[in-house]
């Protein structure tokens, strides 16, 4: 269930990324930078260079295997916990 919630957050652009948390006043600290050095936004999460999986917004909208791989990354690969905090 949490994975579908995450997929829907990705679809609507309201995932718990650092840029959204800052906009909503929920970010601890001031940096919106991802571990790769770029701004952590929903668009960035889909294509982050340090993530082993990537997808497009079309993948997310179609809920295809590429999107599912990105969404399911955190539960199965805990070493990426800091990369995908929006789940």
PDB file of N, CA and C in Angstrom:
ATOM      1  N   UNK A   1       0.818  -1.199   0.000  1.00  0.00           N
ATOM      2  CA  UNK A   1       0.000   0.000   0.000  1.00  0.00           C
ATOM      3  C   UNK A   1       0.861   1.260   0.000  1.00  0.00           C
ATOM      4  N   UNK A   2       1.917   1.271   0.804  1.00  0.00           N
ATOM      5  CA  UNK A   2       2.780   2.452   0.853  1.00  0.00           C
ATOM      6  C   UNK A   2       3.403   2.723  -0.511  1.00  0.00           C
ATOM      7  N   UNK A   3       3.670   1.669  -1.285  1.00  0.00           N
ATOM      8  CA  UNK A   3       4.262   1.874  -2.601  1.00  0.00           C
ATOM      9  C   UNK A   3       3.289   2.563  -3.545  1.00  0.00           C
ATOM     10  N   UNK A   4       2.002   2.241  -3.479  1.00  0.00           N
ATOM     11  CA  UNK A   4       1.021   2.924  -4.321  1.00  0.00           C
ATOM     12  C   UNK A   4       0.863   4.364  -3.873  1.00  0.00           C
ATOM     13  N   UNK A   5       0.940   4.607  -2.583  1.00  0.00           N
ATOM     14  CA  UNK A   5       0.874   5.973  -2.071  1.00  0.00           C
ATOM     15  C   UNK A   5       2.043   6.778  -2.621  1.00  0.00           C
ATOM     16  N   UNK A   6       3.236   6.176  -2.602  1.00  0.00           N
ATOM     17  CA  UNK A   6       4.420   6.845  -3.125  1.00  0.00           C
ATOM     18  C   UNK A   6       4.285   7.104  -4.615  1.00  0.00           C
ATOM     19  N   UNK A   7       3.797   6.130  -5.358  1.00  0.00           N
ATOM     20  CA  UNK A   7       3.597   6.311  -6.791  1.00  0.00           C
ATOM     21  C   UNK A   7       2.624   7.458  -7.056  1.00  0.00           C
ATOM     22  N   UNK A   8       1.546   7.532  -6.306  1.00  0.00           N
ATOM     23  CA  UNK A   8       0.587   8.623  -6.475  1.00  0.00           C
ATOM     24  C   UNK A   8       1.184   9.971  -6.088  1.00  0.00           C
ATOM     25  N   UNK A   9       2.035   9.995  -5.076  1.00  0.00           N
ATOM     26  CA  UNK A   9       2.739  11.236  -4.737  1.00  0.00           C
ATOM     27  C   UNK A   9       3.650  11.661  -5.881  1.00  0.00           C
ATOM     28  N   UNK A  10       4.302  10.690  -6.508  1.00  0.00           N
ATOM     29  CA  UNK A  10       5.157  10.997  -7.652  1.00  0.00           C
ATOM     30  C   UNK A  10       4.318  11.523  -8.812  1.00  0.00           C
ATOM     31  N   UNK A  11       3.169  10.950  -9.025  1.00  0.00           N
ATOM     32  CA  UNK A  11       2.285  11.383 -10.114  1.00  0.00           C
ATOM     33  C   UNK A  11       1.826  12.819  -9.937  1.00  0.00           C
ATOM     34  N   UNK A  12       1.530  13.186  -8.718  1.00  0.00           N
ATOM     35  CA  UNK A  12       0.969  14.509  -8.450  1.00  0.00           C
ATOM     36  C   UNK A  12       2.009  15.552  -8.068  1.00  0.00           C
ATOM     37  N   UNK A  13       3.267  15.126  -7.899  1.00  0.00           N
ATOM     38  CA  UNK A  13       4.334  16.074  -7.577  1.00  0.00           C
ATOM     39  C   UNK A  13       4.366  16.513  -6.131  1.00  0.00           C
ATOM     40  N   UNK A  14       3.733  15.769  -5.241  1.00  0.00           N
ATOM     41  CA  UNK A  14       3.696  16.153  -3.834  1.00  0.00           C
ATOM     42  C   UNK A  14       4.447  15.167  -2.937  1.00  0.00           C
ATOM     43  N   UNK A  15       5.460  14.536  -3.486  1.00  0.00           N
ATOM     44  CA  UNK A  15       6.291  13.644  -2.686  1.00  0.00           C
ATOM     45  C   UNK A  15       7.053  14.425  -1.631  1.00  0.00           C
ATOM     46  N   UNK A  16       7.513  13.732  -0.628  1.00  0.00           N
ATOM     47  CA  UNK A  16       8.216  14.375   0.487  1.00  0.00           C
ATOM     48  C   UNK A  16       9.686  14.607   0.155  1.00  0.00           C
ATOM     49  N   UNK A  17       9.942  15.288  -0.954  1.00  0.00           N
ATOM     50  CA  UNK A  17      11.302  15.641  -1.333  1.00  0.00           C
ATOM     51  C   UNK A  17      11.726  16.877  -0.559  1.00  0.00           C
ATOM     52  N   UNK A  18      13.013  17.141  -0.544  1.00  0.00           N
ATOM     53  CA  UNK A  18      13.515  18.279   0.227  1.00  0.00           C
ATOM     54  C   UNK A  18      12.959  19.608  -0.253  1.00  0.00           C
ATOM     55  N   UNK A  19      12.808  19.781  -1.565  1.00  0.00           N
ATOM     56  CA  UNK A  19      12.262  21.058  -2.045  1.00  0.00           C
ATOM     57  C   UNK A  19      10.812  21.249  -1.608  1.00  0.00           C
ATOM     58  N   UNK A  20      10.006  20.178  -1.628  1.00  0.00           N
ATOM     59  CA  UNK A  20       8.627  20.289  -1.146  1.00  0.00           C
ATOM     60  C   UNK A  20       8.583  20.514   0.357  1.00  0.00           C
ATOM     61  N   UNK A  21       9.410  19.780   1.107  1.00  0.00           N
ATOM     62  CA  UNK A  21       9.433  19.974   2.560  1.00  0.00           C
ATOM     63  C   UNK A  21       9.793  21.409   2.926  1.00  0.00           C
ATOM     64  N   UNK A  22      10.729  22.005   2.182  1.00  0.00           N
ATOM     65  CA  UNK A  22      11.093  23.404   2.446  1.00  0.00           C
ATOM     66  C   UNK A  22       9.905  24.313   2.154  1.00  0.00           C
ATOM     67  N   UNK A  23       9.234  24.078   1.031  1.00  0.00           N
ATOM     68  CA  UNK A  23       8.074  24.887   0.649  1.00  0.00           C
ATOM     69  C   UNK A  23       6.976  24.806   1.713  1.00  0.00           C
ATOM     70  N   UNK A  24       6.810  23.627   2.320  1.00  0.00           N
ATOM     71  CA  UNK A  24       5.762  23.415   3.306  1.00  0.00           C
ATOM     72  C   UNK A  24       6.203  23.712   4.731  1.00  0.00           C
ATOM     73  N   UNK A  25       7.450  24.129   4.922  1.00  0.00           N
ATOM     74  CA  UNK A  25       7.960  24.427   6.261  1.00  0.00           C
ATOM     75  C   UNK A  25       8.250  23.192   7.095  1.00  0.00           C
ATOM     76  N   UNK A  26       8.538  22.070   6.456  1.00  0.00           N
ATOM     77  CA  UNK A  26       8.786  20.814   7.165  1.00  0.00           C
ATOM     78  C   UNK A  26      10.242  20.362   7.127  1.00  0.00           C
ATOM     79  N   UNK A  27      11.101  21.104   6.444  1.00  0.00           N
ATOM     80  CA  UNK A  27      12.486  20.682   6.271  1.00  0.00           C
ATOM     81  C   UNK A  27      13.316  21.017   7.502  1.00  0.00           C
ATOM     82  N   UNK A  28      13.991  20.003   8.031  1.00  0.00           N
ATOM     83  CA  UNK A  28      14.938  20.237   9.119  1.00  0.00           C
ATOM     84  C   UNK A  28      16.229  20.710   8.476  1.00  0.00           C
ATOM     85  N   UNK A  29      16.681  21.902   8.807  1.00  0.00           N
ATOM     86  CA  UNK A  29      17.837  22.490   8.150  1.00  0.00           C
ATOM     87  C   UNK A  29      17.382  23.317   6.964  1.00  0.00           C
ATOM     88  N   UNK A  30      18.341  23.732   6.142  1.00  0.00           N
ATOM     89  CA  UNK A  30      17.993  24.612   5.030  1.00  0.00           C
ATOM     90  C   UNK A  30      18.370  24.055   3.668  1.00  0.00           C
ATOM     91  N   UNK A  31      19.140  22.988   3.617  1.00  0.00           N
ATOM     92  CA  UNK A  31      19.627  22.479   2.353  1.00  0.00           C
ATOM     93  C   UNK A  31      18.591  21.601   1.661  1.00  0.00           C
ATOM     94  N   UNK A  32      18.356  21.885   0.393  1.00  0.00           N
ATOM     95  CA  UNK A  32      17.474  21.050  -0.424  1.00  0.00           C
ATOM     96  C   UNK A  32      18.295  20.196  -1.392  1.00  0.00           C
ATOM     97  N   UNK A  33      19.567  20.040  -1.085  1.00  0.00           N
ATOM     98  CA  UNK A  33      20.480  19.318  -1.964  1.00  0.00           C
ATOM     99  C   UNK A  33      20.416  17.812  -1.717  1.00  0.00           C
ATOM    100  N   UNK A  34      20.340  17.063  -2.795  1.00  0.00           N
ATOM    101  CA  UNK A  34      20.390  15.600  -2.769  1.00  0.00           C
ATOM    102  C   UNK A  34      21.833  15.170  -2.482  1.00  0.00           C
ATOM    103  N   UNK A  35      22.029  13.919  -2.138  1.00  0.00           N
ATOM    104  CA  UNK A  35      23.376  13.409  -1.898  1.00  0.00           C
ATOM    105  C   UNK A  35      24.260  13.487  -3.136  1.00  0.00           C
ATOM    106  N   UNK A  36      23.652  13.578  -4.323  1.00  0.00           N
ATOM    107  CA  UNK A  36      24.430  13.685  -5.560  1.00  0.00           C
ATOM    108  C   UNK A  36      24.874  15.122  -5.819  1.00  0.00           C
ATOM    109  N   UNK A  37      24.358  16.079  -5.046  1.00  0.00           N
ATOM    110  CA  UNK A  37      24.747  17.476  -5.186  1.00  0.00           C
ATOM    111  C   UNK A  37      23.749  18.357  -5.912  1.00  0.00           C
ATOM    112  N   UNK A  38      22.701  17.769  -6.464  1.00  0.00           N
ATOM    113  CA  UNK A  38      21.686  18.546  -7.179  1.00  0.00           C
ATOM    114  C   UNK A  38      20.480  18.790  -6.277  1.00  0.00           C
ATOM    115  N   UNK A  39      19.645  19.762  -6.655  1.00  0.00           N
ATOM    116  CA  UNK A  39      18.416  20.043  -5.910  1.00  0.00           C
ATOM    117  C   UNK A  39      17.529  18.807  -5.914  1.00  0.00           C
ATOM    118  N   UNK A  40      17.043  18.418  -4.748  1.00  0.00           N
ATOM    119  CA  UNK A  40      16.202  17.229  -4.646  1.00  0.00           C
ATOM    120  C   UNK A  40      14.743  17.615  -4.864  1.00  0.00           C
ATOM    121  N   UNK A  41      14.259  17.344  -6.056  1.00  0.00           N
ATOM    122  CA  UNK A  41      12.870  17.607  -6.430  1.00  0.00           C
ATOM    123  C   UNK A  41      12.265  16.304  -6.938  1.00  0.00           C
ATOM    124  N   UNK A  42      10.968  16.319  -7.214  1.00  0.00           N
ATOM    125  CA  UNK A  42      10.333  15.109  -7.741  1.00  0.00           C
ATOM    126  C   UNK A  42      10.937  14.743  -9.097  1.00  0.00           C
ATOM    127  N   UNK A  43      11.153  15.724  -9.951  1.00  0.00           N
ATOM    128  CA  UNK A  43      11.743  15.451 -11.259  1.00  0.00           C
ATOM    129  C   UNK A  43      13.144  14.848 -11.109  1.00  0.00           C
ATOM    130  N   UNK A  44      13.907  15.384 -10.163  1.00  0.00           N
ATOM    131  CA  UNK A  44      15.265  14.883  -9.943  1.00  0.00           C
ATOM    132  C   UNK A  44      15.262  13.438  -9.444  1.00  0.00           C
ATOM    133  N   UNK A  45      14.357  13.119  -8.535  1.00  0.00           N
ATOM    134  CA  UNK A  45      14.295  11.765  -7.964  1.00  0.00           C
ATOM    135  C   UNK A  45      14.137  10.716  -9.059  1.00  0.00           C
ATOM    136  N   UNK A  46      13.404  11.048 -10.097  1.00  0.00           N
ATOM    137  CA  UNK A  46      13.170  10.089 -11.185  1.00  0.00           C
ATOM    138  C   UNK A  46      14.439   9.779 -11.970  1.00  0.00           C
ATOM    139  N   UNK A  47      15.408  10.699 -11.961  1.00  0.00           N
ATOM    140  CA  UNK A  47      16.606  10.556 -12.780  1.00  0.00           C
ATOM    141  C   UNK A  47      17.901  10.745 -12.003  1.00  0.00           C
ATOM    142  N   UNK A  48      17.891  10.657 -10.694  1.00  0.00           N
ATOM    143  CA  UNK A  48      19.087  10.901  -9.875  1.00  0.00           C
ATOM    144  C   UNK A  48      20.227   9.967 -10.311  1.00  0.00           C
ATOM    145  N   UNK A  49      21.420  10.527 -10.560  1.00  0.00           N
ATOM    146  CA  UNK A  49      22.524   9.705 -11.060  1.00  0.00           C
ATOM    147  C   UNK A  49      23.057   8.668 -10.071  1.00  0.00           C
ATOM    148  N   UNK A  50      22.789   8.826  -8.777  1.00  0.00           N
ATOM    149  CA  UNK A  50      23.291   7.828  -7.827  1.00  0.00           C
ATOM    150  C   UNK A  50      22.276   6.728  -7.537  1.00  0.00           C
ATOM    151  N   UNK A  51      21.071   6.874  -8.072  1.00  0.00           N
ATOM    152  CA  UNK A  51      20.044   5.844  -7.915  1.00  0.00           C
ATOM    153  C   UNK A  51      20.248   4.765  -8.977  1.00  0.00           C
ATOM    154  N   UNK A  52      20.185   3.497  -8.607  1.00  0.00           N
ATOM    155  CA  UNK A  52      20.395   2.432  -9.596  1.00  0.00           C
ATOM    156  C   UNK A  52      19.247   2.288 -10.605  1.00  0.00           C
ATOM    157  N   UNK A  53      18.108   2.912 -10.338  1.00  0.00           N
ATOM    158  CA  UNK A  53      16.965   2.852 -11.234  1.00  0.00           C
ATOM    159  C   UNK A  53      16.558   4.270 -11.612  1.00  0.00           C
ATOM    160  N   UNK A  54      15.953   4.418 -12.769  1.00  0.00           N
ATOM    161  CA  UNK A  54      15.420   5.712 -13.174  1.00  0.00           C
ATOM    162  C   UNK A  54      14.160   5.481 -13.997  1.00  0.00           C
ATOM    163  N   UNK A  55      13.377   6.530 -14.145  1.00  0.00           N
ATOM    164  CA  UNK A  55      12.171   6.450 -14.952  1.00  0.00           C
ATOM    165  C   UNK A  55      11.801   7.843 -15.426  1.00  0.00           C
ATOM    166  N   UNK A  56      10.802   7.913 -16.286  1.00  0.00           N
ATOM    167  CA  UNK A  56      10.295   9.185 -16.781  1.00  0.00           C
ATOM    168  C   UNK A  56       8.943   9.468 -16.129  1.00  0.00           C
ATOM    169  N   UNK A  57       8.457  10.688 -16.325  1.00  0.00           N
ATOM    170  CA  UNK A  57       7.130  11.016 -15.809  1.00  0.00           C
ATOM    171  C   UNK A  57       6.069  10.162 -16.502  1.00  0.00           C
ATOM    172  N   UNK A  58       6.276   9.846 -17.775  1.00  0.00           N
ATOM    173  CA  UNK A  58       5.342   8.947 -18.467  1.00  0.00           C
ATOM    174  C   UNK A  58       5.324   7.566 -17.820  1.00  0.00           C
ATOM    175  N   UNK A  59       6.502   7.078 -17.413  1.00  0.00           N
ATOM    176  CA  UNK A  59       6.560   5.792 -16.698  1.00  0.00           C
ATOM    177  C   UNK A  59       5.723   5.854 -15.427  1.00  0.00           C
ATOM    178  N   UNK A  60       5.869   6.949 -14.697  1.00  0.00           N
ATOM    179  CA  UNK A  60       5.116   7.122 -13.441  1.00  0.00           C
ATOM    180  C   UNK A  60       3.616   7.149 -13.727  1.00  0.00           C
ATOM    181  N   UNK A  61       3.213   7.909 -14.739  1.00  0.00           N
ATOM    182  CA  UNK A  61       1.784   8.015 -15.052  1.00  0.00           C
ATOM    183  C   UNK A  61       1.197   6.677 -15.489  1.00  0.00           C
ATOM    184  N   UNK A  62       2.007   5.856 -16.139  1.00  0.00           N
ATOM    185  CA  UNK A  62       1.544   4.539 -16.586  1.00  0.00           C
ATOM    186  C   UNK A  62       1.788   3.429 -15.570  1.00  0.00           C
ATOM    187  N   UNK A  63       2.447   3.768 -14.479  1.00  0.00           N
ATOM    188  CA  UNK A  63       2.763   2.797 -13.420  1.00  0.00           C
ATOM    189  C   UNK A  63       3.437   1.556 -14.004  1.00  0.00           C
ATOM    190  N   UNK A  64       4.387   1.768 -14.904  1.00  0.00           N
ATOM    191  CA  UNK A  64       5.059   0.627 -15.525  1.00  0.00           C
ATOM    192  C   UNK A  64       6.225   0.137 -14.660  1.00  0.00           C
ATOM    193  N   UNK A  65       6.927  -0.866 -15.135  1.00  0.00           N
ATOM    194  CA  UNK A  65       7.997  -1.484 -14.345  1.00  0.00           C
ATOM    195  C   UNK A  65       9.106  -0.511 -13.964  1.00  0.00           C
ATOM    196  N   UNK A  66       9.446   0.419 -14.845  1.00  0.00           N
ATOM    197  CA  UNK A  66      10.493   1.389 -14.501  1.00  0.00           C
ATOM    198  C   UNK A  66      10.094   2.224 -13.290  1.00  0.00           C
ATOM    199  N   UNK A  67       8.861   2.701 -13.282  1.00  0.00           N
ATOM    200  CA  UNK A  67       8.377   3.493 -12.149  1.00  0.00           C
ATOM    201  C   UNK A  67       8.302   2.650 -10.881  1.00  0.00           C
ATOM    202  N   UNK A  68       7.829   1.430 -11.012  1.00  0.00           N
ATOM    203  CA  UNK A  68       7.726   0.544  -9.851  1.00  0.00           C
ATOM    204  C   UNK A  68       9.111   0.273  -9.257  1.00  0.00           C
ATOM    205  N   UNK A  69      10.127   0.102 -10.111  1.00  0.00           N
ATOM    206  CA  UNK A  69      11.493  -0.099  -9.608  1.00  0.00           C
ATOM    207  C   UNK A  69      11.955   1.075  -8.762  1.00  0.00           C
ATOM    208  N   UNK A  70      11.668   2.298  -9.214  1.00  0.00           N
ATOM    209  CA  UNK A  70      12.063   3.480  -8.447  1.00  0.00           C
ATOM    210  C   UNK A  70      11.292   3.547  -7.136  1.00  0.00           C
ATOM    211  N   UNK A  71       9.992   3.315  -7.186  1.00  0.00           N
ATOM    212  CA  UNK A  71       9.143   3.373  -5.988  1.00  0.00           C
ATOM    213  C   UNK A  71       9.523   2.299  -4.982  1.00  0.00           C
ATOM    214  N   UNK A  72       9.851   1.110  -5.450  1.00  0.00           N
ATOM    215  CA  UNK A  72      10.140  -0.007  -4.558  1.00  0.00           C
ATOM    216  C   UNK A  72      11.582  -0.047  -4.105  1.00  0.00           C
ATOM    217  N   UNK A  73      12.386   0.903  -4.515  1.00  0.00           N
ATOM    218  CA  UNK A  73      13.803   0.901  -4.174  1.00  0.00           C
ATOM    219  C   UNK A  73      14.037   0.895  -2.671  1.00  0.00           C
ATOM    220  N   UNK A  74      13.387   1.780  -1.956  1.00  0.00           N
ATOM    221  CA  UNK A  74      13.677   1.921  -0.531  1.00  0.00           C
ATOM    222  C   UNK A  74      13.374   0.671   0.292  1.00  0.00           C
ATOM    223  N   UNK A  75      12.213   0.037   0.144  1.00  0.00           N
ATOM    224  CA  UNK A  75      11.944  -1.123   1.000  1.00  0.00           C
ATOM    225  C   UNK A  75      12.915  -2.275   0.806  1.00  0.00           C
ATOM    226  N   UNK A  76      13.461  -2.412  -0.380  1.00  0.00           N
ATOM    227  CA  UNK A  76      14.306  -3.558  -0.660  1.00  0.00           C
ATOM    228  C   UNK A  76      15.792  -3.260  -0.653  1.00  0.00           C
ATOM    229  N   UNK A  77      16.168  -2.001  -0.692  1.00  0.00           N
ATOM    230  CA  UNK A  77      17.571  -1.637  -0.716  1.00  0.00           C
ATOM    231  C   UNK A  77      17.812  -0.512   0.288  1.00  0.00           C
ATOM    232  N   UNK A  78      17.937  -0.860   1.570  1.00  0.00           N
ATOM    233  CA  UNK A  78      18.009   0.160   2.620  1.00  0.00           C
ATOM    234  C   UNK A  78      19.212   1.086   2.526  1.00  0.00           C
ATOM    235  N   UNK A  79      20.241   0.730   1.762  1.00  0.00           N
ATOM    236  CA  UNK A  79      21.387   1.631   1.641  1.00  0.00           C
ATOM    237  C   UNK A  79      21.018   2.917   0.904  1.00  0.00           C
ATOM    238  N   UNK A  80      19.838   2.962   0.290  1.00  0.00           N
ATOM    239  CA  UNK A  80      19.394   4.164  -0.403  1.00  0.00           C
ATOM    240  C   UNK A  80      18.376   4.959   0.407  1.00  0.00           C
ATOM    241  N   UNK A  81      18.282   4.711   1.713  1.00  0.00           N
ATOM    242  CA  UNK A  81      17.310   5.400   2.556  1.00  0.00           C
ATOM    243  C   UNK A  81      17.382   6.919   2.431  1.00  0.00           C
ATOM    244  N   UNK A  82      18.569   7.480   2.400  1.00  0.00           N
ATOM    245  CA  UNK A  82      18.715   8.931   2.353  1.00  0.00           C
ATOM    246  C   UNK A  82      18.417   9.497   0.978  1.00  0.00           C
ATOM    247  N   UNK A  83      18.498   8.676  -0.053  1.00  0.00           N
ATOM    248  CA  UNK A  83      18.247   9.136  -1.407  1.00  0.00           C
ATOM    249  C   UNK A  83      16.770   9.361  -1.667  1.00  0.00           C
ATOM    250  N   UNK A  84      15.918   8.497  -1.162  1.00  0.00           N
ATOM    251  CA  UNK A  84      14.492   8.577  -1.455  1.00  0.00           C
ATOM    252  C   UNK A  84      13.678   8.802  -0.187  1.00  0.00           C
ATOM    253  N   UNK A  85      13.731  10.001   0.365  1.00  0.00           N
ATOM    254  CA  UNK A  85      13.036  10.260   1.624  1.00  0.00           C
ATOM    255  C   UNK A  85      11.541  10.538   1.450  1.00  0.00           C
ATOM    256  N   UNK A  86      11.053  10.479   0.248  1.00  0.00           N
ATOM    257  CA  UNK A  86       9.660  10.862   0.009  1.00  0.00           C
ATOM    258  C   UNK A  86       8.686   9.721   0.208  1.00  0.00           C
ATOM    259  N   UNK A  87       9.137   8.556   0.606  1.00  0.00           N
ATOM    260  CA  UNK A  87       8.250   7.410   0.746  1.00  0.00           C
ATOM    261  C   UNK A  87       7.624   7.360   2.120  1.00  0.00           C
TER     262      UNK A  87
END
